[in-house]
Amino acid sequence: MNNYELMVIFTPVLSEEDFKSSQKKFQDIITELGGSTVHTNPWGLKSLAYPIQKKTTGIYWVLEFTLPAEGIEKLKIQLLRDEQVMRHMITRLDKYAVEYNYTKRNGGFPKTEKAEA
């Protein structure tokens, strides 16, 4: 079982209900392929660095999940077939990235005080 992070940019014309149903759809696909969701983080509507399909904004969504390696190709196919997905990126996380994400989710990192000189 490998750890992955999925970032998806959905088309900006989605309603809130459509956005939530798309999130649930991909989480269900991951569950069907034998994986599980670790954390989901909808970023919302953001400006794009360059136009994609003549759109200058997109709805971002980041999902951290675990999945056997065989299931990634099936997930990619589903992402490519969905017309609401403008772009996606799947990144395999190593143990340090998993630890970093866990720490960031659960209270962050200790703040360091600047030493006065």
C-alpha atoms as a PDB file:
ATOM      1  CA  MET A   1       0.000   0.000   0.000  1.00  0.00           C
ATOM      2  CA  ASN A   2       1.554   3.258  -1.145  1.00  0.00           C
ATOM      3  CA  ASN A   3       0.769   6.809  -0.025  1.00  0.00           C
ATOM      4  CA  TYR A   4      -0.260   9.317  -2.674  1.00  0.00           C
ATOM      5  CA  GLU A   5      -1.407  12.902  -3.022  1.00  0.00           C
ATOM      6  CA  LEU A   6      -3.855  13.901  -5.733  1.00  0.00           C
ATOM      7  CA  MET A   7      -4.336  17.495  -6.805  1.00  0.00           C
ATOM      8  CA  VAL A   8      -7.252  18.178  -9.129  1.00  0.00           C
ATOM      9  CA  ILE A   9      -8.292  21.396 -10.852  1.00  0.00           C
ATOM     10  CA  PHE A  10     -11.995  21.280 -11.639  1.00  0.00           C
ATOM     11  CA  THR A  11     -13.743  23.577 -14.099  1.00  0.00           C
ATOM     12  CA  PRO A  12     -14.840  26.816 -12.379  1.00  0.00           C
ATOM     13  CA  VAL A  13     -18.461  26.577 -13.559  1.00  0.00           C
ATOM     14  CA  LEU A  14     -19.286  23.773 -11.093  1.00  0.00           C
ATOM     15  CA  SER A  15     -21.873  24.410  -8.426  1.00  0.00           C
ATOM     16  CA  GLU A  16     -21.070  23.575  -4.801  1.00  0.00           C
ATOM     17  CA  GLU A  17     -23.155  20.380  -5.020  1.00  0.00           C
ATOM     18  CA  ASP A  18     -21.401  19.258  -8.229  1.00  0.00           C
ATOM     19  CA  PHE A  19     -17.997  19.922  -6.649  1.00  0.00           C
ATOM     20  CA  LYS A  20     -18.876  17.842  -3.582  1.00  0.00           C
ATOM     21  CA  SER A  21     -20.296  15.016  -5.697  1.00  0.00           C
ATOM     22  CA  SER A  22     -17.113  14.969  -7.809  1.00  0.00           C
ATOM     23  CA  GLN A  23     -15.000  14.749  -4.655  1.00  0.00           C
ATOM     24  CA  LYS A  24     -17.142  11.882  -3.368  1.00  0.00           C
ATOM     25  CA  LYS A  25     -16.956  10.133  -6.741  1.00  0.00           C
ATOM     26  CA  PHE A  26     -13.153  10.020  -6.723  1.00  0.00           C
ATOM     27  CA  GLN A  27     -13.029   9.007  -3.059  1.00  0.00           C
ATOM     28  CA  ASP A  28     -15.424   6.152  -3.861  1.00  0.00           C
ATOM     29  CA  ILE A  29     -13.243   5.065  -6.802  1.00  0.00           C
ATOM     30  CA  ILE A  30     -10.212   4.927  -4.500  1.00  0.00           C
ATOM     31  CA  THR A  31     -12.185   2.859  -1.977  1.00  0.00           C
ATOM     32  CA  GLU A  32     -13.360   0.464  -4.722  1.00  0.00           C
ATOM     33  CA  LEU A  33      -9.740  -0.018  -5.844  1.00  0.00           C
ATOM     34  CA  GLY A  34      -8.750  -1.103  -2.331  1.00  0.00           C
ATOM     35  CA  GLY A  35      -7.455   2.197  -0.980  1.00  0.00           C
ATOM     36  CA  SER A  36      -8.508   4.632   1.685  1.00  0.00           C
ATOM     37  CA  THR A  37      -8.720   8.396   2.096  1.00  0.00           C
ATOM     38  CA  VAL A  38      -6.305   9.910   4.603  1.00  0.00           C
ATOM     39  CA  HIS A  39      -7.164  13.602   4.296  1.00  0.00           C
ATOM     40  CA  THR A  40      -9.087  15.857   1.940  1.00  0.00           C
ATOM     41  CA  ASN A  41      -8.521  19.576   1.504  1.00  0.00           C
ATOM     42  CA  PRO A  42     -10.727  21.628  -0.860  1.00  0.00           C
ATOM     43  CA  TRP A  43      -8.856  24.844  -1.668  1.00  0.00           C
ATOM     44  CA  GLY A  44     -11.732  26.446  -3.560  1.00  0.00           C
ATOM     45  CA  LEU A  45     -11.639  28.822  -6.508  1.00  0.00           C
ATOM     46  CA  LYS A  46      -8.152  30.066  -7.424  1.00  0.00           C
ATOM     47  CA  SER A  47      -6.612  31.940 -10.341  1.00  0.00           C
ATOM     48  CA  LEU A  48      -4.582  29.876 -12.781  1.00  0.00           C
ATOM     49  CA  ALA A  49      -1.035  30.766 -13.799  1.00  0.00           C
ATOM     50  CA  TYR A  50      -2.068  30.386 -17.452  1.00  0.00           C
ATOM     51  CA  PRO A  51      -5.416  29.778 -19.183  1.00  0.00           C
ATOM     52  CA  ILE A  52      -6.593  26.167 -19.424  1.00  0.00           C
ATOM     53  CA  GLN A  53      -9.426  25.495 -21.887  1.00  0.00           C
ATOM     54  CA  LYS A  54      -9.908  29.285 -22.143  1.00  0.00           C
ATOM     55  CA  LYS A  55     -10.563  29.527 -18.387  1.00  0.00           C
ATOM     56  CA  THR A  56      -8.475  31.667 -16.036  1.00  0.00           C
ATOM     57  CA  THR A  57      -9.763  30.189 -12.750  1.00  0.00           C
ATOM     58  CA  GLY A  58     -10.270  26.686 -11.409  1.00  0.00           C
ATOM     59  CA  ILE A  59     -11.543  24.921  -8.309  1.00  0.00           C
ATOM     60  CA  TYR A  60      -8.641  23.202  -6.569  1.00  0.00           C
ATOM     61  CA  TRP A  61      -8.890  20.047  -4.474  1.00  0.00           C
ATOM     62  CA  VAL A  62      -6.098  18.110  -2.733  1.00  0.00           C
ATOM     63  CA  LEU A  63      -6.597  14.533  -1.544  1.00  0.00           C
ATOM     64  CA  GLU A  64      -4.121  12.413   0.404  1.00  0.00           C
ATOM     65  CA  PHE A  65      -4.822   8.685   0.140  1.00  0.00           C
ATOM     66  CA  THR A  66      -3.371   5.182   0.244  1.00  0.00           C
ATOM     67  CA  LEU A  67      -3.764   2.782  -2.668  1.00  0.00           C
ATOM     68  CA  PRO A  68      -2.067  -0.327  -4.057  1.00  0.00           C
ATOM     69  CA  ALA A  69       0.199   0.499  -7.009  1.00  0.00           C
ATOM     70  CA  GLU A  70      -2.054  -1.385  -9.471  1.00  0.00           C
ATOM     71  CA  GLY A  71      -4.950   0.988  -8.824  1.00  0.00           C
ATOM     72  CA  ILE A  72      -3.194   4.196  -9.891  1.00  0.00           C
ATOM     73  CA  GLU A  73      -3.615   3.584 -13.626  1.00  0.00           C
ATOM     74  CA  LYS A  74      -7.354   2.935 -13.186  1.00  0.00           C
ATOM     75  CA  LEU A  75      -7.672   6.150 -11.173  1.00  0.00           C
ATOM     76  CA  LYS A  76      -5.802   8.104 -13.869  1.00  0.00           C
ATOM     77  CA  ILE A  77      -8.170   6.762 -16.530  1.00  0.00           C
ATOM     78  CA  GLN A  78     -11.193   7.931 -14.515  1.00  0.00           C
ATOM     79  CA  LEU A  79      -9.632  11.378 -14.045  1.00  0.00           C
ATOM     80  CA  LEU A  80      -8.949  11.705 -17.775  1.00  0.00           C
ATOM     81  CA  ARG A  81     -12.502  10.639 -18.665  1.00  0.00           C
ATOM     82  CA  ASP A  82     -14.175  13.189 -16.403  1.00  0.00           C
ATOM     83  CA  GLU A  83     -15.057  16.356 -18.320  1.00  0.00           C
ATOM     84  CA  GLN A  84     -15.163  18.434 -15.125  1.00  0.00           C
ATOM     85  CA  VAL A  85     -11.441  17.808 -14.476  1.00  0.00           C
ATOM     86  CA  MET A  86      -9.212  20.325 -16.260  1.00  0.00           C
ATOM     87  CA  ARG A  87      -5.894  19.071 -14.806  1.00  0.00           C
ATOM     88  CA  HIS A  88      -4.740  16.512 -12.274  1.00  0.00           C
ATOM     89  CA  MET A  89      -1.475  15.421 -10.715  1.00  0.00           C
ATOM     90  CA  ILE A  90      -0.804  12.305  -8.648  1.00  0.00           C
ATOM     91  CA  THR A  91       2.341  12.296  -6.515  1.00  0.00           C
ATOM     92  CA  ARG A  92       3.686   9.295  -4.607  1.00  0.00           C
ATOM     93  CA  LEU A  93       4.653  10.348  -1.093  1.00  0.00           C
ATOM     94  CA  ASP A  94       7.694   8.989   0.707  1.00  0.00           C
ATOM     95  CA  LYS A  95       7.737   8.466   4.475  1.00  0.00           C
ATOM     96  CA  TYR A  96       9.077  11.989   5.092  1.00  0.00           C
ATOM     97  CA  ALA A  97       6.270  13.611   3.089  1.00  0.00           C
ATOM     98  CA  VAL A  98       3.672  11.529   4.939  1.00  0.00           C
ATOM     99  CA  GLU A  99       5.171  12.591   8.271  1.00  0.00           C
ATOM    100  CA  TYR A 100       5.300  16.243   7.162  1.00  0.00           C
ATOM    101  CA  ASN A 101       1.645  16.217   6.064  1.00  0.00           C
ATOM    102  CA  TYR A 102       0.592  14.547   9.319  1.00  0.00           C
ATOM    103  CA  THR A 103       2.436  17.151  11.404  1.00  0.00           C
ATOM    104  CA  LYS A 104       1.027  20.009   9.334  1.00  0.00           C
ATOM    105  CA  ARG A 105      -2.536  18.698   9.736  1.00  0.00           C
ATOM    106  CA  ASN A 106      -2.269  18.187  13.482  1.00  0.00           C
ATOM    107  CA  GLY A 107      -1.219  21.515  14.871  1.00  0.00           C
ATOM    108  CA  GLY A 108       1.712  22.462  12.702  1.00  0.00           C
ATOM    109  CA  PHE A 109       5.295  22.962  13.626  1.00  0.00           C
ATOM    110  CA  PRO A 110       6.660  24.687  16.729  1.00  0.00           C
ATOM    111  CA  LYS A 111       7.283  28.387  16.192  1.00  0.00           C
ATOM    112  CA  THR A 112      10.822  29.494  16.832  1.00  0.00           C
ATOM    113  CA  GLU A 113      11.570  32.756  18.569  1.00  0.00           C
ATOM    114  CA  LYS A 114      14.080  35.068  16.993  1.00  0.00           C
ATOM    115  CA  ALA A 115      17.096  35.584  19.186  1.00  0.00           C
ATOM    116  CA  GLU A 116      17.650  39.220  20.045  1.00  0.00           C
ATOM    117  CA  ALA A 117      21.165  40.415  19.411  1.00  0.00           C
END
